[in-house]
Protein backbone atom coordinates (compact mmCIF):
# COMPACT_ATOMS: atom_id res chain seq x y z
CA MET A 1 23.36 -1.52 43.73
CA ASP A 2 25.08 1.84 43.66
CA LYS A 3 22.73 4.53 45.03
CA ARG A 4 23.64 6.95 42.25
CA LEU A 5 22.67 4.43 39.59
CA GLN A 6 19.44 3.60 41.41
CA GLN A 7 18.53 7.29 41.68
CA LEU A 8 19.22 7.89 38.00
CA ARG A 9 17.12 4.89 37.03
CA GLU A 10 14.26 6.24 39.14
CA GLU A 11 14.58 9.56 37.31
CA ILE A 12 14.45 7.71 33.98
CA ASP A 13 11.29 5.89 35.11
CA ALA A 14 9.70 9.19 36.11
CA ALA A 15 10.64 10.80 32.80
CA ASP A 16 9.22 7.81 30.90
CA SER A 17 5.96 8.15 32.84
CA GLU A 18 5.79 11.83 31.89
CA LEU A 19 6.38 10.81 28.28
CA VAL A 20 3.46 8.35 28.48
CA ASP A 21 1.26 11.12 29.89
CA LEU A 22 2.29 13.47 27.08
CA LEU A 23 1.56 10.85 24.42
CA ALA A 24 -1.83 10.16 25.97
CA ARG A 25 -2.59 13.89 25.90
CA ARG A 26 -1.48 14.13 22.27
CA MET A 27 -3.71 11.18 21.34
CA ASP A 28 -6.68 12.88 22.98
CA ILE A 29 -6.01 16.08 21.01
CA SER A 30 -5.65 13.99 17.86
CA ARG A 31 -9.03 12.38 18.57
CA ARG A 32 -10.66 15.81 18.82
CA ILE A 33 -8.96 16.87 15.58
CA GLY A 34 -10.46 13.78 13.96
CA GLU A 35 -13.92 14.81 15.12
CA VAL A 36 -13.51 18.27 13.58
CA LYS A 37 -12.12 16.80 10.34
CA GLN A 38 -15.08 14.46 10.14
CA GLU A 39 -17.46 17.37 10.59
CA LEU A 40 -15.69 19.50 7.97
CA GLY A 41 -15.07 16.67 5.53
CA GLN A 42 -11.31 17.16 5.57
CA PRO A 43 -8.79 14.42 4.66
CA LEU A 44 -7.40 12.13 7.32
CA TYR A 45 -3.88 12.72 5.98
CA VAL A 46 -2.57 16.12 4.89
CA PRO A 47 1.02 15.68 3.66
CA GLU A 48 1.90 19.40 3.74
CA ARG A 49 0.81 19.72 7.37
CA GLU A 50 2.71 16.59 8.41
CA ALA A 51 5.89 17.69 6.63
CA ALA A 52 5.77 21.15 8.21
CA LEU A 53 5.14 19.72 11.67
CA ILE A 54 8.05 17.28 11.45
CA ALA A 55 10.42 19.94 10.10
CA ALA A 56 9.54 22.29 12.96
CA ARG A 57 10.00 19.62 15.63
CA ARG A 58 13.29 18.48 14.11
CA SER A 59 14.58 22.04 14.37
CA GLU A 60 13.46 22.32 18.00
CA ALA A 61 15.06 18.97 18.85
CA GLU A 62 18.39 19.95 17.33
CA GLN A 63 18.36 23.22 19.27
CA ARG A 64 17.99 21.12 22.44
CA GLY A 65 20.94 18.90 21.54
CA LEU A 66 18.84 15.99 20.28
CA THR A 67 19.03 14.47 16.83
CA GLY A 68 16.29 15.37 14.40
CA ASP A 69 15.99 11.68 13.46
CA LEU A 70 15.02 10.77 17.02
CA ILE A 71 12.09 13.17 17.22
CA GLU A 72 11.02 12.34 13.67
CA ASP A 73 10.91 8.62 14.50
CA VAL A 74 8.81 9.30 17.61
CA LEU A 75 6.45 11.64 15.78
CA ARG A 76 5.93 9.40 12.77
CA ARG A 77 5.11 6.42 14.98
CA THR A 78 2.78 8.59 17.06
CA MET A 79 1.03 10.00 14.00
CA ARG A 80 0.58 6.52 12.55
CA GLU A 81 -1.22 5.52 15.74
CA SER A 82 -3.33 8.69 15.51
CA TYR A 83 -4.41 7.89 11.94
CA GLN A 84 -5.42 4.40 13.00
CA ARG A 85 -7.51 5.71 15.88
CA GLN A 86 -9.19 8.48 13.89
CA LYS A 87 -10.73 5.99 11.44
CA HIS A 88 -13.05 4.73 14.18
CA GLN A 89 -14.68 8.16 14.30
CA GLY A 90 -15.98 7.72 10.75
CA PHE A 91 -15.63 9.99 7.72
CA ARG A 92 -17.68 12.56 5.86
CA ARG A 93 -19.64 10.95 3.02
CA THR A 94 -19.03 12.55 -0.38
CA GLY A 95 -21.61 10.56 -2.37
CA ASP A 96 -25.39 10.27 -2.42
CA SER A 97 -26.68 8.94 0.90
CA GLU A 98 -29.87 7.64 -0.72
CA ARG A 99 -28.16 5.33 -3.19
CA PRO A 100 -26.29 2.12 -2.35
CA ILE A 101 -22.80 1.02 -3.23
CA VAL A 102 -22.56 -2.50 -4.61
CA VAL A 103 -19.30 -4.42 -4.09
CA VAL A 104 -19.08 -7.50 -6.28
CA GLY A 105 -16.67 -9.82 -4.51
CA GLY A 106 -17.31 -7.97 -1.27
CA LYS A 107 -16.64 -11.03 0.89
CA GLY A 108 -13.09 -11.36 -0.42
CA GLN A 109 -10.22 -9.84 1.53
CA LEU A 110 -9.77 -6.66 -0.51
CA GLY A 111 -13.45 -6.25 -1.27
CA SER A 112 -14.39 -6.54 2.40
CA LEU A 113 -11.80 -3.88 3.27
CA PHE A 114 -13.54 -1.38 0.98
CA VAL A 115 -16.94 -2.47 2.29
CA ARG A 116 -15.85 -1.61 5.85
CA TRP A 117 -14.53 1.81 4.88
CA PHE A 118 -17.59 2.74 2.84
CA GLU A 119 -19.70 1.76 5.85
CA LEU A 120 -17.47 3.92 8.09
CA SER A 121 -18.46 6.80 5.80
CA GLY A 122 -22.18 6.14 6.23
CA TYR A 123 -22.95 4.43 2.91
CA THR A 124 -25.41 1.62 2.47
CA VAL A 125 -23.35 -1.21 0.98
CA ALA A 126 -24.71 -4.26 -0.81
CA VAL A 127 -22.22 -7.14 -0.72
CA ILE A 128 -22.45 -9.54 -3.65
CA ASP A 129 -20.44 -12.75 -3.82
CA VAL A 130 -20.71 -16.27 -5.18
CA ASP A 131 -23.31 -17.23 -2.56
CA ASN A 132 -25.84 -14.49 -3.44
CA LEU A 133 -25.38 -13.71 -7.13
CA ASP A 134 -29.16 -13.87 -7.56
CA ALA A 135 -29.37 -10.59 -5.60
CA LEU A 136 -27.11 -8.69 -8.02
CA ALA A 137 -29.75 -7.49 -10.50
CA LYS A 138 -31.93 -6.01 -7.75
CA SER A 139 -28.96 -4.49 -5.90
CA VAL A 140 -27.70 -2.46 -8.88
CA GLU A 141 -31.05 -0.92 -9.84
CA ASN A 142 -30.31 2.36 -8.06
CA ALA A 143 -26.60 1.95 -7.35
CA ALA A 144 -24.32 4.97 -7.25
CA LEU A 145 -21.27 2.74 -7.59
CA VAL A 146 -20.64 -0.85 -8.64
CA LEU A 147 -17.17 -1.89 -7.54
CA VAL A 148 -15.79 -5.18 -8.89
CA SER A 149 -13.25 -6.92 -6.65
CA VAL A 150 -12.73 -10.46 -7.91
CA PRO A 151 -9.64 -12.48 -8.93
CA ILE A 152 -7.86 -11.13 -12.02
CA GLU A 153 -8.64 -14.16 -14.15
CA HIS A 154 -12.39 -13.67 -13.61
CA THR A 155 -12.61 -9.86 -13.67
CA ALA A 156 -13.36 -9.29 -17.37
CA THR A 157 -15.94 -12.11 -17.40
CA VAL A 158 -17.71 -10.85 -14.27
CA ILE A 159 -17.85 -7.33 -15.74
CA SER A 160 -19.26 -8.57 -19.05
CA GLU A 161 -22.01 -10.45 -17.22
CA LEU A 162 -23.16 -7.51 -15.07
CA PRO A 163 -26.81 -6.54 -15.50
CA GLU A 164 -27.67 -3.14 -16.94
CA LEU A 165 -26.60 -0.35 -14.60
CA PRO A 166 -28.15 3.10 -14.12
CA ASP A 167 -26.78 5.62 -16.61
CA ASP A 168 -25.35 7.77 -13.80
CA CYS A 169 -23.78 4.85 -11.91
CA VAL A 170 -19.99 4.68 -11.62
CA LEU A 171 -18.52 1.31 -12.63
CA ALA A 172 -15.03 0.58 -11.24
CA ASP A 173 -12.74 -2.33 -10.52
CA LEU A 174 -9.92 -3.06 -8.06
CA THR A 175 -7.71 -5.21 -10.28
CA SER A 176 -3.91 -5.02 -10.53
CA VAL A 177 -4.05 -5.06 -14.35
CA LYS A 178 -6.03 -2.37 -16.08
CA GLN A 179 -6.30 -2.60 -19.86
CA ALA A 180 -8.54 -5.68 -20.12
CA PRO A 181 -10.89 -4.79 -17.21
CA LEU A 182 -11.17 -1.18 -18.39
CA GLY A 183 -12.05 -2.35 -21.90
CA ALA A 184 -14.70 -4.69 -20.53
CA MET A 185 -16.23 -1.93 -18.39
CA LEU A 186 -16.35 0.54 -21.28
CA ALA A 187 -18.02 -2.07 -23.46
CA ASN A 188 -20.63 -3.03 -20.88
CA HIS A 189 -21.60 0.34 -19.35
CA SER A 190 -22.41 3.65 -20.99
CA GLY A 191 -21.86 5.74 -17.86
CA ALA A 192 -18.81 6.69 -15.82
CA VAL A 193 -16.02 4.10 -15.82
CA LEU A 194 -12.91 4.10 -13.65
CA GLY A 195 -10.05 1.66 -13.19
CA LEU A 196 -8.61 1.47 -9.67
CA HIS A 197 -5.55 -0.36 -8.40
CA PRO A 198 -4.93 -0.18 -4.62
CA MET A 199 -1.17 -0.48 -4.08
CA PHE A 200 -1.65 -2.24 -0.76
CA GLY A 201 -2.98 -5.46 0.67
CA PRO A 202 -6.19 -6.11 2.59
CA ASN A 203 -4.59 -5.99 6.04
CA ILE A 204 -3.79 -2.28 6.22
CA PRO A 205 -5.06 -0.64 9.42
CA THR A 206 -5.70 2.71 7.71
CA PHE A 207 -5.85 4.26 4.23
CA ALA A 208 -3.65 7.14 5.38
CA LYS A 209 -0.61 7.46 3.06
CA GLN A 210 -1.71 4.47 0.98
CA THR A 211 -1.60 4.85 -2.82
CA ILE A 212 -4.47 4.11 -5.19
CA LEU A 213 -3.66 4.17 -8.90
CA VAL A 214 -6.45 5.59 -11.07
CA THR A 215 -6.87 4.81 -14.78
CA PRO A 216 -9.56 7.03 -16.34
CA GLY A 217 -12.16 5.41 -18.53
CA ARG A 218 -15.13 7.68 -19.17
CA ASP A 219 -16.82 10.71 -17.58
CA ALA A 220 -14.20 11.54 -14.95
CA VAL A 221 -16.34 14.37 -13.58
CA ALA A 222 -19.12 11.97 -12.56
CA ALA A 223 -16.61 9.89 -10.58
CA GLN A 224 -15.05 12.78 -8.65
CA TRP A 225 -17.14 12.09 -5.55
CA LEU A 226 -15.55 8.64 -5.30
CA LEU A 227 -11.99 9.94 -5.67
CA ARG A 228 -12.73 12.63 -3.11
CA GLN A 229 -13.92 9.92 -0.71
CA PHE A 230 -10.61 8.10 -1.05
CA GLU A 231 -8.76 11.36 -0.33
CA ILE A 232 -10.83 11.95 2.81
CA TRP A 233 -9.84 8.46 3.94
CA GLY A 234 -6.23 9.64 3.61
CA ALA A 235 -5.27 7.85 0.39
CA ARG A 236 -2.94 9.34 -2.20
CA LEU A 237 -4.20 9.12 -5.79
CA HIS A 238 -2.00 8.79 -8.86
CA GLU A 239 -3.61 8.94 -12.30
CA LEU A 240 -2.13 7.32 -15.41
CA PRO A 241 -3.36 5.65 -18.62
CA ALA A 242 -4.14 1.93 -18.48
CA GLU A 243 -1.39 0.97 -20.91
CA ARG A 244 1.28 2.83 -18.91
CA HIS A 245 -0.07 1.31 -15.72
CA ASP A 246 0.33 -2.24 -17.01
CA GLN A 247 3.82 -1.51 -18.31
CA ALA A 248 4.85 -0.16 -14.91
CA MET A 249 3.31 -3.11 -13.07
CA SER A 250 5.46 -5.51 -15.10
CA VAL A 251 8.39 -4.06 -13.11
CA ILE A 252 6.72 -3.10 -9.84
CA GLN A 253 4.74 -6.30 -9.39
CA VAL A 254 5.37 -9.10 -11.89
CA MET A 255 9.18 -8.99 -11.93
CA ARG A 256 9.48 -8.23 -8.22
CA HIS A 257 7.06 -10.94 -7.06
CA LEU A 258 8.56 -13.58 -9.33
CA SER A 259 12.10 -12.65 -8.27
CA THR A 260 11.07 -12.89 -4.62
CA PHE A 261 9.37 -16.22 -5.23
CA VAL A 262 12.46 -17.61 -7.00
CA TYR A 263 14.73 -16.49 -4.15
CA GLY A 264 12.53 -18.24 -1.58
CA TYR A 265 12.28 -21.27 -3.87
CA HIS A 266 16.06 -21.39 -4.11
CA LEU A 267 16.54 -21.16 -0.32
CA ALA A 268 14.03 -23.97 0.26
CA HIS A 269 15.70 -26.26 -2.27
CA GLU A 270 19.15 -25.55 -0.81
CA ASP A 271 17.64 -26.84 2.47
CA ILE A 272 19.25 -24.05 4.48
CA ASP A 273 18.70 -23.82 8.24
CA LEU A 274 16.58 -20.67 8.32
CA ASP A 275 16.94 -20.12 12.08
CA GLU A 276 20.72 -20.23 11.78
CA LEU A 277 20.57 -17.89 8.78
CA LEU A 278 18.59 -15.39 10.86
CA SER A 279 20.98 -15.60 13.80
CA LEU A 280 23.89 -14.76 11.49
CA SER A 281 22.10 -12.00 9.57
CA SER A 282 22.93 -8.32 9.46
CA PRO A 283 19.92 -5.96 9.74
CA ILE A 284 19.79 -5.47 5.97
CA TYR A 285 19.78 -9.19 5.23
CA ARG A 286 17.18 -9.80 7.92
CA LEU A 287 15.03 -7.14 6.24
CA GLU A 288 15.51 -8.87 2.88
CA LEU A 289 14.50 -12.19 4.42
CA MET A 290 11.44 -10.53 5.95
CA MET A 291 10.37 -9.27 2.51
CA VAL A 292 10.83 -12.75 1.03
CA GLY A 293 9.17 -14.55 3.92
CA ARG A 294 6.10 -12.31 3.98
CA LEU A 295 5.28 -13.40 0.43
CA PHE A 296 4.90 -17.00 1.57
CA ALA A 297 2.58 -16.01 4.41
CA GLN A 298 -0.03 -14.84 1.88
CA ASP A 299 -2.40 -16.28 -0.70
CA PRO A 300 -0.47 -18.06 -3.48
CA GLY A 301 -3.43 -17.70 -5.83
CA LEU A 302 -3.20 -13.91 -5.68
CA TYR A 303 0.45 -13.90 -6.71
CA ALA A 304 -0.13 -16.53 -9.37
CA ASP A 305 -2.85 -14.33 -10.87
CA ILE A 306 -0.57 -11.28 -10.86
CA ILE A 307 2.39 -13.07 -12.40
CA LEU A 308 0.27 -14.87 -15.01
CA SER A 309 -2.02 -11.92 -15.75
CA ASP A 310 -0.26 -10.97 -18.98
CA HIS A 311 2.11 -13.32 -20.76
CA ASP A 312 3.61 -10.37 -22.65
CA GLN A 313 5.10 -9.25 -19.34
CA HIS A 314 7.09 -12.46 -19.17
CA ARG A 315 9.35 -11.18 -21.92
CA MET A 316 10.73 -8.73 -19.37
CA ILE A 317 11.39 -11.64 -17.01
CA ARG A 318 13.31 -13.38 -19.81
CA ARG A 319 15.39 -10.24 -20.32
CA TYR A 320 16.04 -10.13 -16.57
CA ILE A 321 17.27 -13.73 -16.59
CA GLN A 322 19.47 -13.01 -19.60
CA ARG A 323 21.03 -10.00 -17.86
CA PHE A 324 21.67 -12.11 -14.78
CA THR A 325 23.51 -14.59 -17.02
CA ASN A 326 25.39 -11.78 -18.76
CA LEU A 327 26.63 -10.37 -15.45
CA LEU A 328 27.69 -13.81 -14.28
CA ASP A 329 29.73 -14.08 -17.47
CA VAL A 330 31.33 -10.69 -16.72
CA LEU A 331 32.29 -11.85 -13.22
CA GLU A 332 33.79 -15.08 -14.49
CA GLN A 333 35.68 -13.48 -17.37
CA GLU A 334 36.68 -10.06 -16.02
CA GLY A 335 36.42 -10.47 -12.25
CA ARG A 336 36.54 -7.45 -9.95
CA GLU A 337 37.30 -4.92 -12.68
CA GLY A 338 34.26 -5.95 -14.73
CA PHE A 339 31.99 -5.90 -11.68
CA ILE A 340 33.06 -2.37 -10.69
CA ARG A 341 32.58 -1.10 -14.26
CA GLU A 342 29.01 -2.42 -14.46
CA PHE A 343 28.28 -1.30 -10.90
CA ASN A 344 29.30 2.27 -11.69
CA ALA A 345 27.21 2.27 -14.87
CA VAL A 346 24.09 1.36 -12.89
CA ALA A 347 25.00 3.88 -10.16
CA ARG A 348 25.07 6.62 -12.80
CA TRP A 349 21.60 5.55 -13.95
CA PHE A 350 20.25 5.82 -10.38
CA GLY A 351 21.90 9.24 -10.04
CA PRO A 352 20.95 11.22 -6.91
CA HIS A 353 18.23 8.68 -6.06
CA ALA A 354 20.93 6.24 -4.91
CA GLY A 355 22.05 8.56 -2.10
CA GLN A 356 18.46 9.34 -1.19
CA PHE A 357 17.58 5.65 -0.98
CA LEU A 358 20.65 5.01 1.16
CA GLN A 359 19.55 7.70 3.62
CA GLU A 360 15.94 6.52 3.72
CA SER A 361 16.95 2.91 4.24
CA VAL A 362 18.87 3.71 7.44
CA GLY A 363 15.66 4.03 9.45
CA LEU A 364 14.30 0.78 8.04
CA LEU A 365 17.46 -1.06 8.96
CA GLN A 366 17.39 0.33 12.49
CA HIS A 367 13.80 -0.88 12.83
CA ALA A 368 14.77 -4.33 11.52
CA ASP A 369 17.56 -4.46 14.12
CA ASP A 370 15.09 -3.55 16.89
CA VAL A 371 12.73 -6.43 16.07
CA LYS A 372 12.51 -8.98 18.89
CA ARG A 373 14.40 -12.18 18.10
């Protein structure tokens, strides 16, 4: 081997070791920051601070002849690891330490996630599930919060069968549809009522940057301690009425999940060699396949419940199918000219978001290309 190449490789190895040392030092500082945040009751994730930090480091990198994207990639990955580590230090409790939290369905995947995080914040948590329903009445006697996390099809029934709750107890659910559960909670409890929809699955390593949709029911002031707890965990909250929530979910969840299911269903029935398809894929198509494939690695019952949760939403699916047929007619009758016309019409609707999405997707595609094959 050429001595010059060998020497340069040794210098690279030394620089990489220095980089490891720097990252270890940064993680230690991050750990100490987590301890102070826990003491002060400050959120795990502060978007303004993160944005300012990344902007400053991008500027420094560019002054040194590096691309801002490089340092941003490194920092974002490093910060994600920091958020995951800081959760093990626990969080400041915002609610009453003397009163328990009751999670109905707390042995399910999503329910158990919230159980763990409430326990990380020092709450006493009573877990109720099908095997200990007889303990429910006693558990709720002095509860500060009763959180219902059961399959969609059973949510309204479970809520209607809850025993009487303390007047100052918060009643909330974690369902992906909101109008029916919220109505059931308002009918069954005279105190604070809150609809919650976590926009994430049960396998997240941290709540940092995760979104929880909030649909107000009654006495929002009495539920502020709970929302503040989510913010301390690092979650982002977005409030909207239940009706608007369900309308939005018909696009965000029902149509998307069914479309993904149909695409996977089509591939399976075409009996395509998936390994060969992957070997021939561009990064963007590999990413699309990843998004389809991940659906089929999860619980089919969950997606069935989401798609079947409201038959009114299926009218949008019918419109989607009709538009697919309409566009196919355009292609067959007008060819390239018709396609470009319709393409440009949709591009105008997306407006500046199209360019933004193109830019944001570049990093995702690079990551997909880096995945081991």
